Amino acid sequence: PSYENSKTDMSLSVAIGGATGFFVGTDASYLPSQNFLVGAVGIQDGTPDLVGCAIAGTSTSLGFVTAQSGMNMVFPKGKCWND
């Protein structure tokens, strides 16, 4: 891998980290008083499995889009992994 490829991989890793962070928000039992995502994407006890899968996918997508949007505003054109 080249240095240029490593830089683009780093920006992709940041976006994936955002997805991971929001995915943690689906666990309604994990620090519920500090979890600001529990109301939006928290999976409560008794949630049907298929609904839980949809919520988890939604939370992951929201995290990825949030992190990627931030990078799109900060990185100059042609410098992000998807350019």
PDB file of N, CA and C in Angstrom:
ATOM      1  N   PRO A   1       0.819  -1.203   0.000  1.00  0.00           N
ATOM      2  CA  PRO A   1       0.000   0.000   0.000  1.00  0.00           C
ATOM      3  C   PRO A   1       0.860   1.264   0.000  1.00  0.00           C
ATOM      4  N   SER A   2       0.367   2.238  -0.690  1.00  0.00           N
ATOM      5  CA  SER A   2       1.082   3.503  -0.781  1.00  0.00           C
ATOM      6  C   SER A   2       0.647   4.441   0.344  1.00  0.00           C
ATOM      7  N   TYR A   3       1.398   5.523   0.500  1.00  0.00           N
ATOM      8  CA  TYR A   3       1.051   6.522   1.505  1.00  0.00           C
ATOM      9  C   TYR A   3      -0.303   7.139   1.187  1.00  0.00           C
ATOM     10  N   GLU A   4      -0.564   7.408  -0.080  1.00  0.00           N
ATOM     11  CA  GLU A   4      -1.848   7.996  -0.494  1.00  0.00           C
ATOM     12  C   GLU A   4      -2.998   7.050  -0.149  1.00  0.00           C
ATOM     13  N   ASN A   5      -2.817   5.770  -0.394  1.00  0.00           N
ATOM     14  CA  ASN A   5      -3.839   4.781  -0.067  1.00  0.00           C
ATOM     15  C   ASN A   5      -4.062   4.721   1.440  1.00  0.00           C
ATOM     16  N   SER A   6      -3.008   4.831   2.222  1.00  0.00           N
ATOM     17  CA  SER A   6      -3.143   4.810   3.688  1.00  0.00           C
ATOM     18  C   SER A   6      -3.943   5.999   4.193  1.00  0.00           C
ATOM     19  N   LYS A   7      -3.756   7.164   3.562  1.00  0.00           N
ATOM     20  CA  LYS A   7      -4.518   8.353   3.970  1.00  0.00           C
ATOM     21  C   LYS A   7      -5.999   8.173   3.667  1.00  0.00           C
ATOM     22  N   THR A   8      -6.339   7.619   2.520  1.00  0.00           N
ATOM     23  CA  THR A   8      -7.751   7.419   2.204  1.00  0.00           C
ATOM     24  C   THR A   8      -8.352   6.341   3.098  1.00  0.00           C
ATOM     25  N   ASP A   9      -7.566   5.315   3.420  1.00  0.00           N
ATOM     26  CA  ASP A   9      -8.053   4.290   4.346  1.00  0.00           C
ATOM     27  C   ASP A   9      -8.343   4.874   5.722  1.00  0.00           C
ATOM     28  N   MET A  10      -7.550   5.859   6.142  1.00  0.00           N
ATOM     29  CA  MET A  10      -7.772   6.493   7.435  1.00  0.00           C
ATOM     30  C   MET A  10      -9.109   7.230   7.463  1.00  0.00           C
ATOM     31  N   SER A  11      -9.428   7.937   6.394  1.00  0.00           N
ATOM     32  CA  SER A  11     -10.703   8.665   6.383  1.00  0.00           C
ATOM     33  C   SER A  11     -11.882   7.700   6.319  1.00  0.00           C
ATOM     34  N   LEU A  12     -11.737   6.587   5.638  1.00  0.00           N
ATOM     35  CA  LEU A  12     -12.784   5.567   5.640  1.00  0.00           C
ATOM     36  C   LEU A  12     -12.938   4.972   7.036  1.00  0.00           C
ATOM     37  N   SER A  13     -11.836   4.763   7.719  1.00  0.00           N
ATOM     38  CA  SER A  13     -11.880   4.228   9.082  1.00  0.00           C
ATOM     39  C   SER A  13     -12.604   5.170  10.036  1.00  0.00           C
ATOM     40  N   VAL A  14     -12.456   6.464   9.856  1.00  0.00           N
ATOM     41  CA  VAL A  14     -13.162   7.433  10.697  1.00  0.00           C
ATOM     42  C   VAL A  14     -14.670   7.319  10.476  1.00  0.00           C
ATOM     43  N   ALA A  15     -15.083   7.195   9.220  1.00  0.00           N
ATOM     44  CA  ALA A  15     -16.510   7.046   8.921  1.00  0.00           C
ATOM     45  C   ALA A  15     -17.064   5.754   9.511  1.00  0.00           C
ATOM     46  N   ILE A  16     -16.293   4.688   9.428  1.00  0.00           N
ATOM     47  CA  ILE A  16     -16.718   3.411  10.015  1.00  0.00           C
ATOM     48  C   ILE A  16     -16.770   3.515  11.539  1.00  0.00           C
ATOM     49  N   GLY A  17     -15.852   4.280  12.117  1.00  0.00           N
ATOM     50  CA  GLY A  17     -15.882   4.519  13.564  1.00  0.00           C
ATOM     51  C   GLY A  17     -17.148   5.242  13.988  1.00  0.00           C
ATOM     52  N   GLY A  18     -17.607   6.177  13.170  1.00  0.00           N
ATOM     53  CA  GLY A  18     -18.872   6.854  13.457  1.00  0.00           C
ATOM     54  C   GLY A  18     -20.032   5.877  13.447  1.00  0.00           C
ATOM     55  N   ALA A  19     -20.016   4.959  12.490  1.00  0.00           N
ATOM     56  CA  ALA A  19     -21.064   3.936  12.418  1.00  0.00           C
ATOM     57  C   ALA A  19     -21.029   3.049  13.665  1.00  0.00           C
ATOM     58  N   THR A  20     -19.842   2.690  14.089  1.00  0.00           N
ATOM     59  CA  THR A  20     -19.691   1.850  15.275  1.00  0.00           C
ATOM     60  C   THR A  20     -20.177   2.565  16.525  1.00  0.00           C
ATOM     61  N   GLY A  21     -19.842   3.836  16.639  1.00  0.00           N
ATOM     62  CA  GLY A  21     -20.275   4.615  17.797  1.00  0.00           C
ATOM     63  C   GLY A  21     -21.787   4.696  17.911  1.00  0.00           C
ATOM     64  N   PHE A  22     -22.454   4.922  16.795  1.00  0.00           N
ATOM     65  CA  PHE A  22     -23.916   4.988  16.820  1.00  0.00           C
ATOM     66  C   PHE A  22     -24.518   3.612  17.069  1.00  0.00           C
ATOM     67  N   PHE A  23     -23.855   2.549  16.606  1.00  0.00           N
ATOM     68  CA  PHE A  23     -24.356   1.202  16.849  1.00  0.00           C
ATOM     69  C   PHE A  23     -24.380   0.892  18.345  1.00  0.00           C
ATOM     70  N   VAL A  24     -23.378   1.369  19.082  1.00  0.00           N
ATOM     71  CA  VAL A  24     -23.356   1.177  20.535  1.00  0.00           C
ATOM     72  C   VAL A  24     -24.587   1.821  21.168  1.00  0.00           C
ATOM     73  N   GLY A  25     -25.089   2.879  20.562  1.00  0.00           N
ATOM     74  CA  GLY A  25     -26.281   3.555  21.069  1.00  0.00           C
ATOM     75  C   GLY A  25     -27.536   2.711  21.022  1.00  0.00           C
ATOM     76  N   THR A  26     -27.523   1.601  20.279  1.00  0.00           N
ATOM     77  CA  THR A  26     -28.700   0.734  20.221  1.00  0.00           C
ATOM     78  C   THR A  26     -28.885  -0.064  21.502  1.00  0.00           C
ATOM     79  N   ASP A  27     -27.821  -0.214  22.288  1.00  0.00           N
ATOM     80  CA  ASP A  27     -27.907  -0.984  23.536  1.00  0.00           C
ATOM     81  C   ASP A  27     -28.522  -0.112  24.620  1.00  0.00           C
ATOM     82  N   ALA A  28     -29.813  -0.259  24.821  1.00  0.00           N
ATOM     83  CA  ALA A  28     -30.546   0.593  25.765  1.00  0.00           C
ATOM     84  C   ALA A  28     -30.141   0.347  27.215  1.00  0.00           C
ATOM     85  N   SER A  29     -29.518  -0.793  27.497  1.00  0.00           N
ATOM     86  CA  SER A  29     -29.131  -1.089  28.879  1.00  0.00           C
ATOM     87  C   SER A  29     -27.725  -0.592  29.214  1.00  0.00           C
ATOM     88  N   TYR A  30     -26.970  -0.140  28.225  1.00  0.00           N
ATOM     89  CA  TYR A  30     -25.601   0.325  28.445  1.00  0.00           C
ATOM     90  C   TYR A  30     -25.613   1.814  28.788  1.00  0.00           C
ATOM     91  N   LEU A  31     -25.365   2.112  30.060  1.00  0.00           N
ATOM     92  CA  LEU A  31     -25.332   3.495  30.555  1.00  0.00           C
ATOM     93  C   LEU A  31     -26.515   4.316  30.035  1.00  0.00           C
ATOM     94  N   PRO A  32     -27.732   3.900  30.334  1.00  0.00           N
ATOM     95  CA  PRO A  32     -28.901   4.578  29.759  1.00  0.00           C
ATOM     96  C   PRO A  32     -28.992   6.065  30.099  1.00  0.00           C
ATOM     97  N   SER A  33     -28.452   6.477  31.236  1.00  0.00           N
ATOM     98  CA  SER A  33     -28.516   7.899  31.586  1.00  0.00           C
ATOM     99  C   SER A  33     -27.550   8.740  30.759  1.00  0.00           C
ATOM    100  N   GLN A  34     -26.537   8.104  30.146  1.00  0.00           N
ATOM    101  CA  GLN A  34     -25.553   8.825  29.349  1.00  0.00           C
ATOM    102  C   GLN A  34     -25.708   8.589  27.849  1.00  0.00           C
ATOM    103  N   ASN A  35     -26.573   7.687  27.485  1.00  0.00           N
ATOM    104  CA  ASN A  35     -26.742   7.313  26.080  1.00  0.00           C
ATOM    105  C   ASN A  35     -27.753   8.248  25.420  1.00  0.00           C
ATOM    106  N   PHE A  36     -27.260   9.248  24.718  1.00  0.00           N
ATOM    107  CA  PHE A  36     -28.154  10.224  24.090  1.00  0.00           C
ATOM    108  C   PHE A  36     -28.871   9.653  22.868  1.00  0.00           C
ATOM    109  N   LEU A  37     -28.479   8.486  22.418  1.00  0.00           N
ATOM    110  CA  LEU A  37     -29.115   7.875  21.249  1.00  0.00           C
ATOM    111  C   LEU A  37     -30.228   6.896  21.602  1.00  0.00           C
ATOM    112  N   VAL A  38     -30.373   6.589  22.893  1.00  0.00           N
ATOM    113  CA  VAL A  38     -31.329   5.554  23.289  1.00  0.00           C
ATOM    114  C   VAL A  38     -32.756   5.894  22.873  1.00  0.00           C
ATOM    115  N   GLY A  39     -33.118   7.147  22.872  1.00  0.00           N
ATOM    116  CA  GLY A  39     -34.466   7.535  22.464  1.00  0.00           C
ATOM    117  C   GLY A  39     -34.701   7.393  20.972  1.00  0.00           C
ATOM    118  N   ALA A  40     -33.649   7.543  20.186  1.00  0.00           N
ATOM    119  CA  ALA A  40     -33.788   7.475  18.734  1.00  0.00           C
ATOM    120  C   ALA A  40     -33.575   6.064  18.181  1.00  0.00           C
ATOM    121  N   VAL A  41     -32.541   5.396  18.643  1.00  0.00           N
ATOM    122  CA  VAL A  41     -32.194   4.086  18.073  1.00  0.00           C
ATOM    123  C   VAL A  41     -31.986   3.007  19.128  1.00  0.00           C
ATOM    124  N   GLY A  42     -32.412   3.258  20.350  1.00  0.00           N
ATOM    125  CA  GLY A  42     -32.248   2.258  21.402  1.00  0.00           C
ATOM    126  C   GLY A  42     -33.168   1.062  21.191  1.00  0.00           C
ATOM    127  N   ILE A  43     -32.622  -0.125  21.347  1.00  0.00           N
ATOM    128  CA  ILE A  43     -33.405  -1.353  21.223  1.00  0.00           C
ATOM    129  C   ILE A  43     -33.745  -1.821  22.626  1.00  0.00           C
ATOM    130  N   GLN A  44     -35.012  -1.722  22.965  1.00  0.00           N
ATOM    131  CA  GLN A  44     -35.488  -2.073  24.303  1.00  0.00           C
ATOM    132  C   GLN A  44     -35.753  -3.577  24.398  1.00  0.00           C
ATOM    133  N   ASP A  45     -35.821  -4.098  25.630  1.00  0.00           N
ATOM    134  CA  ASP A  45     -36.213  -5.489  25.837  1.00  0.00           C
ATOM    135  C   ASP A  45     -37.600  -5.703  25.243  1.00  0.00           C
ATOM    136  N   GLY A  46     -37.777  -6.818  24.593  1.00  0.00           N
ATOM    137  CA  GLY A  46     -39.071  -7.127  24.003  1.00  0.00           C
ATOM    138  C   GLY A  46     -39.232  -6.662  22.568  1.00  0.00           C
ATOM    139  N   THR A  47     -38.250  -5.956  22.036  1.00  0.00           N
ATOM    140  CA  THR A  47     -38.305  -5.538  20.633  1.00  0.00           C
ATOM    141  C   THR A  47     -38.166  -6.777  19.755  1.00  0.00           C
ATOM    142  N   PRO A  48     -39.071  -6.974  18.800  1.00  0.00           N
ATOM    143  CA  PRO A  48     -38.947  -8.131  17.902  1.00  0.00           C
ATOM    144  C   PRO A  48     -37.602  -8.129  17.170  1.00  0.00           C
ATOM    145  N   ASP A  49     -37.095  -9.319  16.876  1.00  0.00           N
ATOM    146  CA  ASP A  49     -35.772  -9.457  16.264  1.00  0.00           C
ATOM    147  C   ASP A  49     -35.634  -8.694  14.958  1.00  0.00           C
ATOM    148  N   LEU A  50     -36.611  -8.811  14.093  1.00  0.00           N
ATOM    149  CA  LEU A  50     -36.533  -8.152  12.793  1.00  0.00           C
ATOM    150  C   LEU A  50     -36.545  -6.631  12.938  1.00  0.00           C
ATOM    151  N   VAL A  51     -37.337  -6.138  13.867  1.00  0.00           N
ATOM    152  CA  VAL A  51     -37.366  -4.695  14.137  1.00  0.00           C
ATOM    153  C   VAL A  51     -36.024  -4.256  14.713  1.00  0.00           C
ATOM    154  N   GLY A  52     -35.456  -5.068  15.601  1.00  0.00           N
ATOM    155  CA  GLY A  52     -34.137  -4.762  16.166  1.00  0.00           C
ATOM    156  C   GLY A  52     -33.066  -4.695  15.095  1.00  0.00           C
ATOM    157  N   CYS A  53     -33.137  -5.608  14.119  1.00  0.00           N
ATOM    158  CA  CYS A  53     -32.186  -5.571  13.002  1.00  0.00           C
ATOM    159  C   CYS A  53     -32.325  -4.281  12.202  1.00  0.00           C
ATOM    160  N   ALA A  54     -33.546  -3.879  11.965  1.00  0.00           N
ATOM    161  CA  ALA A  54     -33.783  -2.641  11.211  1.00  0.00           C
ATOM    162  C   ALA A  54     -33.280  -1.424  11.988  1.00  0.00           C
ATOM    163  N   ILE A  55     -33.508  -1.405  13.287  1.00  0.00           N
ATOM    164  CA  ILE A  55     -33.035  -0.290  14.112  1.00  0.00           C
ATOM    165  C   ILE A  55     -31.509  -0.261  14.134  1.00  0.00           C
ATOM    166  N   ALA A  56     -30.883  -1.419  14.266  1.00  0.00           N
ATOM    167  CA  ALA A  56     -29.423  -1.482  14.289  1.00  0.00           C
ATOM    168  C   ALA A  56     -28.833  -1.003  12.960  1.00  0.00           C
ATOM    169  N   GLY A  57     -29.444  -1.412  11.860  1.00  0.00           N
ATOM    170  CA  GLY A  57     -28.976  -0.940  10.557  1.00  0.00           C
ATOM    171  C   GLY A  57     -29.150   0.551  10.388  1.00  0.00           C
ATOM    172  N   THR A  58     -30.257   1.070  10.890  1.00  0.00           N
ATOM    173  CA  THR A  58     -30.511   2.507  10.820  1.00  0.00           C
ATOM    174  C   THR A  58     -29.490   3.280  11.652  1.00  0.00           C
ATOM    175  N   SER A  59     -29.193   2.778  12.850  1.00  0.00           N
ATOM    176  CA  SER A  59     -28.228   3.480  13.699  1.00  0.00           C
ATOM    177  C   SER A  59     -26.844   3.483  13.059  1.00  0.00           C
ATOM    178  N   THR A  60     -26.457   2.367  12.465  1.00  0.00           N
ATOM    179  CA  THR A  60     -25.162   2.286  11.791  1.00  0.00           C
ATOM    180  C   THR A  60     -25.103   3.265  10.617  1.00  0.00           C
ATOM    181  N   SER A  61     -26.167   3.321   9.852  1.00  0.00           N
ATOM    182  CA  SER A  61     -26.220   4.255   8.720  1.00  0.00           C
ATOM    183  C   SER A  61     -26.142   5.703   9.184  1.00  0.00           C
ATOM    184  N   LEU A  62     -26.877   6.018  10.247  1.00  0.00           N
ATOM    185  CA  LEU A  62     -26.844   7.388  10.780  1.00  0.00           C
ATOM    186  C   LEU A  62     -25.446   7.776  11.241  1.00  0.00           C
ATOM    187  N   GLY A  63     -24.766   6.862  11.913  1.00  0.00           N
ATOM    188  CA  GLY A  63     -23.407   7.144  12.379  1.00  0.00           C
ATOM    189  C   GLY A  63     -22.433   7.356  11.240  1.00  0.00           C
ATOM    190  N   PHE A  64     -22.536   6.502  10.229  1.00  0.00           N
ATOM    191  CA  PHE A  64     -21.658   6.624   9.071  1.00  0.00           C
ATOM    192  C   PHE A  64     -21.899   7.949   8.350  1.00  0.00           C
ATOM    193  N   VAL A  65     -23.163   8.273   8.113  1.00  0.00           N
ATOM    194  CA  VAL A  65     -23.503   9.513   7.400  1.00  0.00           C
ATOM    195  C   VAL A  65     -23.079  10.741   8.205  1.00  0.00           C
ATOM    196  N   THR A  66     -23.251  10.688   9.519  1.00  0.00           N
ATOM    197  CA  THR A  66     -22.848  11.818  10.360  1.00  0.00           C
ATOM    198  C   THR A  66     -21.347  12.056  10.278  1.00  0.00           C
ATOM    199  N   ALA A  67     -20.566  10.985  10.444  1.00  0.00           N
ATOM    200  CA  ALA A  67     -19.107  11.123  10.383  1.00  0.00           C
ATOM    201  C   ALA A  67     -18.654  11.528   8.985  1.00  0.00           C
ATOM    202  N   GLN A  68     -19.230  10.915   7.964  1.00  0.00           N
ATOM    203  CA  GLN A  68     -18.838  11.223   6.591  1.00  0.00           C
ATOM    204  C   GLN A  68     -19.208  12.650   6.215  1.00  0.00           C
ATOM    205  N   SER A  69     -20.364  13.107   6.659  1.00  0.00           N
ATOM    206  CA  SER A  69     -20.767  14.489   6.359  1.00  0.00           C
ATOM    207  C   SER A  69     -19.805  15.486   6.985  1.00  0.00           C
ATOM    208  N   GLY A  70     -19.383  15.206   8.209  1.00  0.00           N
ATOM    209  CA  GLY A  70     -18.392  16.068   8.851  1.00  0.00           C
ATOM    210  C   GLY A  70     -17.091  16.117   8.064  1.00  0.00           C
ATOM    211  N   MET A  71     -16.639  14.958   7.599  1.00  0.00           N
ATOM    212  CA  MET A  71     -15.405  14.931   6.806  1.00  0.00           C
ATOM    213  C   MET A  71     -15.596  15.631   5.460  1.00  0.00           C
ATOM    214  N   ASN A  72     -16.771  15.485   4.861  1.00  0.00           N
ATOM    215  CA  ASN A  72     -17.024  16.152   3.582  1.00  0.00           C
ATOM    216  C   ASN A  72     -16.954  17.670   3.724  1.00  0.00           C
ATOM    217  N   MET A  73     -17.310  18.183   4.891  1.00  0.00           N
ATOM    218  CA  MET A  73     -17.254  19.630   5.112  1.00  0.00           C
ATOM    219  C   MET A  73     -15.840  20.102   5.434  1.00  0.00           C
ATOM    220  N   VAL A  74     -15.015  19.224   5.997  1.00  0.00           N
ATOM    221  CA  VAL A  74     -13.682  19.623   6.457  1.00  0.00           C
ATOM    222  C   VAL A  74     -12.593  19.327   5.427  1.00  0.00           C
ATOM    223  N   PHE A  75     -12.653  18.161   4.810  1.00  0.00           N
ATOM    224  CA  PHE A  75     -11.605  17.771   3.871  1.00  0.00           C
ATOM    225  C   PHE A  75     -11.731  18.553   2.553  1.00  0.00           C
ATOM    226  N   PRO A  76     -10.604  18.958   1.972  1.00  0.00           N
ATOM    227  CA  PRO A  76     -10.674  19.603   0.669  1.00  0.00           C
ATOM    228  C   PRO A  76     -11.080  18.588  -0.419  1.00  0.00           C
ATOM    229  N   LYS A  77     -11.601  19.092  -1.514  1.00  0.00           N
ATOM    230  CA  LYS A  77     -12.048  18.229  -2.612  1.00  0.00           C
ATOM    231  C   LYS A  77     -10.892  17.348  -3.097  1.00  0.00           C
ATOM    232  N   GLY A  78     -11.201  16.074  -3.260  1.00  0.00           N
ATOM    233  CA  GLY A  78     -10.199  15.126  -3.757  1.00  0.00           C
ATOM    234  C   GLY A  78      -9.354  14.492  -2.684  1.00  0.00           C
ATOM    235  N   LYS A  79      -9.601  14.790  -1.425  1.00  0.00           N
ATOM    236  CA  LYS A  79      -8.757  14.268  -0.343  1.00  0.00           C
ATOM    237  C   LYS A  79      -9.438  13.209   0.513  1.00  0.00           C
ATOM    238  N   CYS A  80     -10.741  13.024   0.355  1.00  0.00           N
ATOM    239  CA  CYS A  80     -11.456  12.050   1.163  1.00  0.00           C
ATOM    240  C   CYS A  80     -11.464  10.708   0.447  1.00  0.00           C
ATOM    241  N   TRP A  81     -11.742   9.648   1.145  1.00  0.00           N
ATOM    242  CA  TRP A  81     -11.673   8.299   0.589  1.00  0.00           C
ATOM    243  C   TRP A  81     -12.615   8.092  -0.582  1.00  0.00           C
ATOM    244  N   ASN A  82     -13.722   8.803  -0.622  1.00  0.00           N
ATOM    245  CA  ASN A  82     -14.713   8.578  -1.675  1.00  0.00           C
ATOM    246  C   ASN A  82     -14.584   9.556  -2.844  1.00  0.00           C
ATOM    247  N   ASP A  83     -13.547  10.375  -2.854  1.00  0.00           N
ATOM    248  CA  ASP A  83     -13.357  11.327  -3.957  1.00  0.00           C
ATOM    249  C   ASP A  83     -12.612  10.679  -5.112  1.00  0.00           C
TER     250      ASP A  83
END
